[in-house]
Amino acid sequence: MVRSADDVVLGLVSVEPAAREGETEVSYQFLPEHWGHGYAREAVGAVVEATLLDTPSVVALTQEANAPSRRLLEAVGMSHAASFVEYDAHQVLYRRSR
């Protein structure tokens, strides 16, 4: 994602069709200096909305301990769907359906 006002790179949002048990997965990474400004919420929300036009559901994964990321996913309308251990850490899966 690039801020249009000054072409500064903020981070990225990616979409991977059929990533998790056939569901489309949205992933995101933003540079720490841009956290807390609403950029991730705006970008992730827009990508989730656009993706739901073409697929029945979207999932996203974050570590259970990552409270800011969990709040972000909830803010864009996703709901906690599952908890499990993966990559040697407690993870939470969020889902949003059409």
Protein backbone atom coordinates (compact mmCIF):
# COMPACT_ATOMS: atom_id res chain seq x y z
CA MET A 1 0.00 0.00 0.00
CA VAL A 2 1.32 3.40 -0.95
CA ARG A 3 0.01 6.62 0.55
CA SER A 4 -1.25 8.67 -2.40
CA ALA A 5 -0.39 12.06 -0.86
CA ASP A 6 3.37 11.44 -0.95
CA ASP A 7 3.99 7.94 -2.39
CA VAL A 8 5.28 6.61 0.95
CA VAL A 9 5.08 2.82 1.26
CA LEU A 10 2.91 1.90 4.25
CA GLY A 11 2.78 -1.88 3.96
CA LEU A 12 1.03 -4.56 1.98
CA VAL A 13 -2.22 -6.50 1.84
CA SER A 14 -2.38 -9.76 -0.09
CA VAL A 15 -5.15 -12.14 -1.09
CA GLU A 16 -4.55 -15.85 -1.55
CA PRO A 17 -7.47 -17.79 -3.06
CA ALA A 18 -8.12 -21.27 -1.65
CA ALA A 19 -5.39 -20.83 0.96
CA ARG A 20 -7.01 -22.36 4.03
CA GLU A 21 -9.19 -25.38 3.43
CA GLY A 22 -10.44 -23.78 0.23
CA GLU A 23 -11.16 -20.36 1.72
CA THR A 24 -9.60 -17.14 0.52
CA GLU A 25 -7.09 -15.71 2.99
CA VAL A 26 -6.26 -12.04 3.44
CA SER A 27 -2.84 -11.23 4.91
CA TYR A 28 -1.32 -7.89 5.78
CA GLN A 29 1.89 -6.31 7.00
CA PHE A 30 2.37 -2.63 7.76
CA LEU A 31 5.56 -0.85 8.73
CA PRO A 32 5.61 -0.04 12.48
CA GLU A 33 5.98 3.69 11.91
CA HIS A 34 2.54 3.67 10.27
CA TRP A 35 0.70 1.70 12.98
CA GLY A 36 -2.12 3.47 14.79
CA HIS A 37 -3.03 5.86 11.96
CA GLY A 38 -5.95 3.87 10.50
CA TYR A 39 -4.15 2.91 7.30
CA ALA A 40 -4.34 -0.83 7.93
CA ARG A 41 -8.02 -0.67 8.86
CA GLU A 42 -8.83 1.24 5.69
CA ALA A 43 -6.74 -0.98 3.41
CA VAL A 44 -7.67 -4.34 4.94
CA GLY A 45 -11.34 -3.35 5.09
CA ALA A 46 -11.35 -2.37 1.41
CA VAL A 47 -9.62 -5.59 0.37
CA VAL A 48 -12.01 -7.74 2.42
CA GLU A 49 -15.04 -5.95 0.91
CA ALA A 50 -13.71 -6.31 -2.64
CA THR A 51 -12.78 -9.95 -2.12
CA LEU A 52 -16.24 -10.81 -0.82
CA LEU A 53 -17.68 -9.75 -4.16
CA ASP A 54 -16.04 -12.84 -5.71
CA THR A 55 -15.92 -15.39 -2.91
CA PRO A 56 -18.38 -16.51 -0.21
CA SER A 57 -15.98 -15.99 2.70
CA VAL A 58 -12.62 -14.55 3.67
CA VAL A 59 -10.33 -15.65 6.49
CA ALA A 60 -7.35 -14.03 8.21
CA LEU A 61 -4.88 -15.42 10.71
CA THR A 62 -3.04 -13.67 13.53
CA GLN A 63 -1.31 -14.65 16.73
CA GLU A 64 -3.57 -14.85 19.74
CA ALA A 65 -1.31 -12.42 21.63
CA ASN A 66 -1.50 -9.78 18.88
CA ALA A 67 -4.34 -7.69 20.33
CA PRO A 68 -4.01 -4.80 17.83
CA SER A 69 -4.31 -7.18 14.88
CA ARG A 70 -7.30 -8.90 16.46
CA ARG A 71 -9.00 -5.51 16.97
CA LEU A 72 -8.29 -4.65 13.34
CA LEU A 73 -9.92 -7.85 12.09
CA GLU A 74 -12.94 -7.30 14.30
CA ALA A 75 -13.18 -3.67 13.12
CA VAL A 76 -13.48 -4.81 9.50
CA GLY A 77 -16.33 -7.16 10.39
CA MET A 78 -14.49 -10.43 10.86
CA SER A 79 -15.36 -12.81 13.69
CA HIS A 80 -13.23 -15.25 15.67
CA ALA A 81 -13.75 -18.67 14.10
CA ALA A 82 -11.03 -20.94 15.52
CA SER A 83 -7.99 -21.11 17.79
CA PHE A 84 -5.06 -23.48 17.34
CA VAL A 85 -1.29 -23.78 17.56
CA GLU A 86 0.69 -23.26 14.36
CA TYR A 87 4.25 -22.05 13.79
CA ASP A 88 4.91 -22.82 17.49
CA ALA A 89 2.47 -20.10 18.61
CA HIS A 90 -1.20 -19.80 19.54
CA GLN A 91 -3.09 -18.54 16.50
CA VAL A 92 -6.61 -17.28 15.93
CA LEU A 93 -8.52 -17.54 12.68
CA TYR A 94 -11.06 -14.87 11.82
CA ARG A 95 -13.74 -15.21 9.16
CA ARG A 96 -16.21 -12.98 7.38
CA SER A 97 -18.89 -14.30 5.08
CA ARG A 98 -20.99 -12.49 2.52
